[in-house]
Amino acid sequence: MTEARVYTIAYRLKNREGDIIDSSDGAEPLHFVSGAGQVVPGIEKAVAGREVGACLEVTIPPELAYGEHREDMVRTMPRSMFQGVDNLAEGMKFQTNTGENAQIVKVVSLKGDQVVIDANHPLAGFTLYFELEILESRPASEDEIAQEMPLQ
């Protein structure tokens, strides 16, 4: 088993055309413990074994990011399941609690008394294009390993 490490990374996430769609510029950099499932596997794989100061351009396919878009996660539900929600509209997001797992779903369309929701991650099915700079890399303490929560 490899040593768990704490990484601090500055990042820019771009679309296929090269436009920045998310960035740590002017904000808090990304912090994570390797092996804790806090970031997509492609980022962990890209930074593993790299030194502080390394700058990387990384292309992460869906299978190493948020997975493929799954049609089985798109469902049609009766509008009655949204009682108490005024002005239900496309694009609205809701948190569902089923069993132990909370899940975010997005309303993708309204068809009469039916609501189509999508529980896929918004970036499922997409290749991610990152510019990464490793700002810190150090061994993780036992407390850091115990406290960290995996990516949902």
C-alpha atoms as a PDB file:
ATOM      1  CA  MET A   1       0.000   0.000   0.000  1.00  0.00           C
ATOM      2  CA  THR A   2       1.342   3.426  -0.914  1.00  0.00           C
ATOM      3  CA  GLU A   3       1.638   6.194   1.623  1.00  0.00           C
ATOM      4  CA  ALA A   4      -1.396   8.476   1.893  1.00  0.00           C
ATOM      5  CA  ARG A   5      -0.427  12.035   0.993  1.00  0.00           C
ATOM      6  CA  VAL A   6      -2.052  15.430   1.364  1.00  0.00           C
ATOM      7  CA  TYR A   7      -2.005  17.391  -1.878  1.00  0.00           C
ATOM      8  CA  THR A   8      -2.762  21.056  -2.416  1.00  0.00           C
ATOM      9  CA  ILE A   9      -3.353  21.855  -6.067  1.00  0.00           C
ATOM     10  CA  ALA A  10      -4.142  24.974  -8.076  1.00  0.00           C
ATOM     11  CA  TYR A  11      -6.338  24.034 -11.021  1.00  0.00           C
ATOM     12  CA  ARG A  12      -8.149  25.214 -14.110  1.00  0.00           C
ATOM     13  CA  LEU A  13     -10.849  23.050 -15.639  1.00  0.00           C
ATOM     14  CA  LYS A  14     -11.436  23.758 -19.325  1.00  0.00           C
ATOM     15  CA  ASN A  15     -13.925  22.579 -21.899  1.00  0.00           C
ATOM     16  CA  ARG A  16     -12.908  21.011 -25.201  1.00  0.00           C
ATOM     17  CA  GLU A  17     -12.627  24.474 -26.788  1.00  0.00           C
ATOM     18  CA  GLY A  18     -10.172  25.628 -24.098  1.00  0.00           C
ATOM     19  CA  ASP A  19     -12.556  27.946 -22.223  1.00  0.00           C
ATOM     20  CA  ILE A  20     -12.089  27.919 -18.438  1.00  0.00           C
ATOM     21  CA  ILE A  21     -15.227  26.557 -16.761  1.00  0.00           C
ATOM     22  CA  ASP A  22     -13.884  26.271 -13.196  1.00  0.00           C
ATOM     23  CA  SER A  23     -10.711  27.431 -11.521  1.00  0.00           C
ATOM     24  CA  SER A  24      -9.015  27.926  -8.191  1.00  0.00           C
ATOM     25  CA  ASP A  25      -7.618  31.277  -9.440  1.00  0.00           C
ATOM     26  CA  GLY A  26      -8.398  33.844  -6.763  1.00  0.00           C
ATOM     27  CA  ALA A  27      -9.984  31.131  -4.607  1.00  0.00           C
ATOM     28  CA  GLU A  28      -8.987  28.295  -2.308  1.00  0.00           C
ATOM     29  CA  PRO A  29      -6.871  25.625  -4.035  1.00  0.00           C
ATOM     30  CA  LEU A  30      -7.980  22.003  -4.007  1.00  0.00           C
ATOM     31  CA  HIS A  31      -6.901  19.975  -0.939  1.00  0.00           C
ATOM     32  CA  PHE A  32      -7.239  16.199  -0.769  1.00  0.00           C
ATOM     33  CA  VAL A  33      -5.802  13.059   0.793  1.00  0.00           C
ATOM     34  CA  SER A  34      -4.670  10.519  -1.788  1.00  0.00           C
ATOM     35  CA  GLY A  35      -6.556   7.243  -1.688  1.00  0.00           C
ATOM     36  CA  ALA A  36      -9.528   8.747   0.187  1.00  0.00           C
ATOM     37  CA  GLY A  37     -11.722   9.065  -2.909  1.00  0.00           C
ATOM     38  CA  GLN A  38     -12.075  12.843  -2.497  1.00  0.00           C
ATOM     39  CA  VAL A  39     -11.224  13.696  -6.105  1.00  0.00           C
ATOM     40  CA  VAL A  40     -11.763  11.910  -9.383  1.00  0.00           C
ATOM     41  CA  PRO A  41      -9.285   9.066  -9.992  1.00  0.00           C
ATOM     42  CA  GLY A  42      -7.744  10.874 -12.971  1.00  0.00           C
ATOM     43  CA  ILE A  43      -6.482  13.705 -10.769  1.00  0.00           C
ATOM     44  CA  GLU A  44      -5.007  11.294  -8.216  1.00  0.00           C
ATOM     45  CA  LYS A  45      -3.314   9.354 -11.002  1.00  0.00           C
ATOM     46  CA  ALA A  46      -1.920  12.550 -12.567  1.00  0.00           C
ATOM     47  CA  VAL A  47      -0.290  13.894  -9.387  1.00  0.00           C
ATOM     48  CA  ALA A  48       0.987  10.613  -7.929  1.00  0.00           C
ATOM     49  CA  GLY A  49       4.748  10.722  -7.525  1.00  0.00           C
ATOM     50  CA  ARG A  50       5.037  14.319  -8.785  1.00  0.00           C
ATOM     51  CA  GLU A  51       7.039  17.002  -7.026  1.00  0.00           C
ATOM     52  CA  VAL A  52       5.847  20.326  -5.615  1.00  0.00           C
ATOM     53  CA  GLY A  53       5.918  22.931  -8.375  1.00  0.00           C
ATOM     54  CA  ALA A  54       5.032  20.476 -11.141  1.00  0.00           C
ATOM     55  CA  CYS A  55       2.650  21.939 -13.719  1.00  0.00           C
ATOM     56  CA  LEU A  56       0.592  19.447 -15.695  1.00  0.00           C
ATOM     57  CA  GLU A  57      -1.914  19.471 -18.523  1.00  0.00           C
ATOM     58  CA  VAL A  58      -4.159  16.464 -17.987  1.00  0.00           C
ATOM     59  CA  THR A  59      -6.945  15.004 -20.108  1.00  0.00           C
ATOM     60  CA  ILE A  60      -9.212  12.815 -17.984  1.00  0.00           C
ATOM     61  CA  PRO A  61     -11.667  10.503 -19.760  1.00  0.00           C
ATOM     62  CA  PRO A  62     -15.132   9.907 -18.248  1.00  0.00           C
ATOM     63  CA  GLU A  63     -14.155   6.538 -16.766  1.00  0.00           C
ATOM     64  CA  LEU A  64     -11.481   8.282 -14.635  1.00  0.00           C
ATOM     65  CA  ALA A  65     -13.736  11.260 -13.870  1.00  0.00           C
ATOM     66  CA  TYR A  66     -17.488  11.127 -13.128  1.00  0.00           C
ATOM     67  CA  GLY A  67     -18.257   8.079 -15.255  1.00  0.00           C
ATOM     68  CA  GLU A  68     -20.358   7.726 -18.359  1.00  0.00           C
ATOM     69  CA  HIS A  69     -23.797   9.311 -18.510  1.00  0.00           C
ATOM     70  CA  ARG A  70     -26.171   6.524 -17.474  1.00  0.00           C
ATOM     71  CA  GLU A  71     -29.674   6.444 -18.923  1.00  0.00           C
ATOM     72  CA  ASP A  72     -30.839   4.307 -15.973  1.00  0.00           C
ATOM     73  CA  MET A  73     -30.277   7.363 -13.765  1.00  0.00           C
ATOM     74  CA  VAL A  74     -32.817   9.382 -15.780  1.00  0.00           C
ATOM     75  CA  ARG A  75     -36.301   8.672 -14.441  1.00  0.00           C
ATOM     76  CA  THR A  76     -39.845   9.839 -14.933  1.00  0.00           C
ATOM     77  CA  MET A  77     -41.793  10.542 -11.757  1.00  0.00           C
ATOM     78  CA  PRO A  78     -45.296  11.798 -11.036  1.00  0.00           C
ATOM     79  CA  ARG A  79     -45.484  15.530 -10.341  1.00  0.00           C
ATOM     80  CA  SER A  80     -47.207  14.615  -7.052  1.00  0.00           C
ATOM     81  CA  MET A  81     -43.772  13.581  -5.728  1.00  0.00           C
ATOM     82  CA  PHE A  82     -42.917  17.305  -5.699  1.00  0.00           C
ATOM     83  CA  GLN A  83     -45.762  18.457  -3.449  1.00  0.00           C
ATOM     84  CA  GLY A  84     -45.014  21.752  -1.781  1.00  0.00           C
ATOM     85  CA  VAL A  85     -42.704  22.912  -4.569  1.00  0.00           C
ATOM     86  CA  ASP A  86     -44.118  26.053  -6.135  1.00  0.00           C
ATOM     87  CA  ASN A  87     -43.252  26.816  -9.750  1.00  0.00           C
ATOM     88  CA  LEU A  88     -41.486  23.523 -10.529  1.00  0.00           C
ATOM     89  CA  ALA A  89     -39.227  24.212 -13.520  1.00  0.00           C
ATOM     90  CA  GLU A  90     -36.562  22.633 -15.708  1.00  0.00           C
ATOM     91  CA  GLY A  91     -33.090  23.023 -14.242  1.00  0.00           C
ATOM     92  CA  MET A  92     -34.215  22.913 -10.604  1.00  0.00           C
ATOM     93  CA  LYS A  93     -32.116  20.674  -8.379  1.00  0.00           C
ATOM     94  CA  PHE A  94     -33.257  18.644  -5.391  1.00  0.00           C
ATOM     95  CA  GLN A  95     -31.550  16.490  -2.812  1.00  0.00           C
ATOM     96  CA  THR A  96     -33.145  13.110  -2.305  1.00  0.00           C
ATOM     97  CA  ASN A  97     -32.527  10.916   0.699  1.00  0.00           C
ATOM     98  CA  THR A  98     -32.932   7.240  -0.040  1.00  0.00           C
ATOM     99  CA  GLY A  99     -31.506   4.918   2.563  1.00  0.00           C
ATOM    100  CA  GLU A 100     -28.053   6.030   3.675  1.00  0.00           C
ATOM    101  CA  ASN A 101     -27.254   7.972   0.498  1.00  0.00           C
ATOM    102  CA  ALA A 102     -28.172  11.541  -0.363  1.00  0.00           C
ATOM    103  CA  GLN A 103     -28.361  12.239  -4.069  1.00  0.00           C
ATOM    104  CA  ILE A 104     -28.750  15.420  -6.117  1.00  0.00           C
ATOM    105  CA  VAL A 105     -31.212  15.215  -9.002  1.00  0.00           C
ATOM    106  CA  LYS A 106     -31.967  17.777 -11.692  1.00  0.00           C
ATOM    107  CA  VAL A 107     -35.333  18.356 -13.338  1.00  0.00           C
ATOM    108  CA  VAL A 108     -34.703  17.956 -17.074  1.00  0.00           C
ATOM    109  CA  SER A 109     -38.266  18.263 -18.376  1.00  0.00           C
ATOM    110  CA  LEU A 110     -41.905  18.569 -17.404  1.00  0.00           C
ATOM    111  CA  LYS A 111     -44.490  16.596 -19.374  1.00  0.00           C
ATOM    112  CA  GLY A 112     -48.009  17.185 -18.066  1.00  0.00           C
ATOM    113  CA  ASP A 113     -48.233  15.446 -14.705  1.00  0.00           C
ATOM    114  CA  GLN A 114     -44.836  13.764 -15.218  1.00  0.00           C
ATOM    115  CA  VAL A 115     -41.396  15.092 -14.224  1.00  0.00           C
ATOM    116  CA  VAL A 116     -38.199  13.763 -15.808  1.00  0.00           C
ATOM    117  CA  ILE A 117     -35.222  13.897 -13.442  1.00  0.00           C
ATOM    118  CA  ASP A 118     -31.553  13.099 -13.982  1.00  0.00           C
ATOM    119  CA  ALA A 119     -29.417  11.797 -11.099  1.00  0.00           C
ATOM    120  CA  ASN A 120     -26.168  11.713 -13.105  1.00  0.00           C
ATOM    121  CA  HIS A 121     -23.361  14.008 -11.974  1.00  0.00           C
ATOM    122  CA  PRO A 122     -23.463  17.148 -14.174  1.00  0.00           C
ATOM    123  CA  LEU A 123     -20.051  16.200 -15.628  1.00  0.00           C
ATOM    124  CA  ALA A 124     -20.877  12.511 -16.235  1.00  0.00           C
ATOM    125  CA  GLY A 125     -19.967  11.507 -19.770  1.00  0.00           C
ATOM    126  CA  PHE A 126     -17.540  14.379 -20.278  1.00  0.00           C
ATOM    127  CA  THR A 127     -13.784  14.321 -20.805  1.00  0.00           C
ATOM    128  CA  LEU A 128     -12.178  16.797 -18.402  1.00  0.00           C
ATOM    129  CA  TYR A 129      -9.259  19.006 -19.416  1.00  0.00           C
ATOM    130  CA  PHE A 130      -7.217  20.258 -16.466  1.00  0.00           C
ATOM    131  CA  GLU A 131      -4.212  22.447 -15.902  1.00  0.00           C
ATOM    132  CA  LEU A 132      -2.805  21.476 -12.495  1.00  0.00           C
ATOM    133  CA  GLU A 133      -0.015  22.903 -10.373  1.00  0.00           C
ATOM    134  CA  ILE A 134       1.104  21.009  -7.286  1.00  0.00           C
ATOM    135  CA  LEU A 135       1.486  23.543  -4.470  1.00  0.00           C
ATOM    136  CA  GLU A 136       2.005  21.049  -1.640  1.00  0.00           C
ATOM    137  CA  SER A 137       2.597  17.319  -1.261  1.00  0.00           C
ATOM    138  CA  ARG A 138       3.294  15.778   2.132  1.00  0.00           C
ATOM    139  CA  PRO A 139       2.558  12.612   4.086  1.00  0.00           C
ATOM    140  CA  ALA A 140      -0.943  12.576   5.586  1.00  0.00           C
ATOM    141  CA  SER A 141      -1.298  12.315   9.352  1.00  0.00           C
ATOM    142  CA  GLU A 142      -3.439   9.577  10.874  1.00  0.00           C
ATOM    143  CA  ASP A 143      -5.999  12.221  11.855  1.00  0.00           C
ATOM    144  CA  GLU A 144      -6.202  13.530   8.268  1.00  0.00           C
ATOM    145  CA  ILE A 145      -6.683  10.026   6.921  1.00  0.00           C
ATOM    146  CA  ALA A 146      -9.427   9.296   9.489  1.00  0.00           C
ATOM    147  CA  GLN A 147     -11.296  12.598   8.957  1.00  0.00           C
ATOM    148  CA  GLU A 148     -11.460  12.845   5.208  1.00  0.00           C
ATOM    149  CA  MET A 149     -14.731  12.125   3.460  1.00  0.00           C
ATOM    150  CA  PRO A 150     -14.905  10.540   0.012  1.00  0.00           C
ATOM    151  CA  LEU A 151     -16.207  12.297  -3.097  1.00  0.00           C
ATOM    152  CA  GLN A 152     -19.975  11.882  -3.509  1.00  0.00           C
END
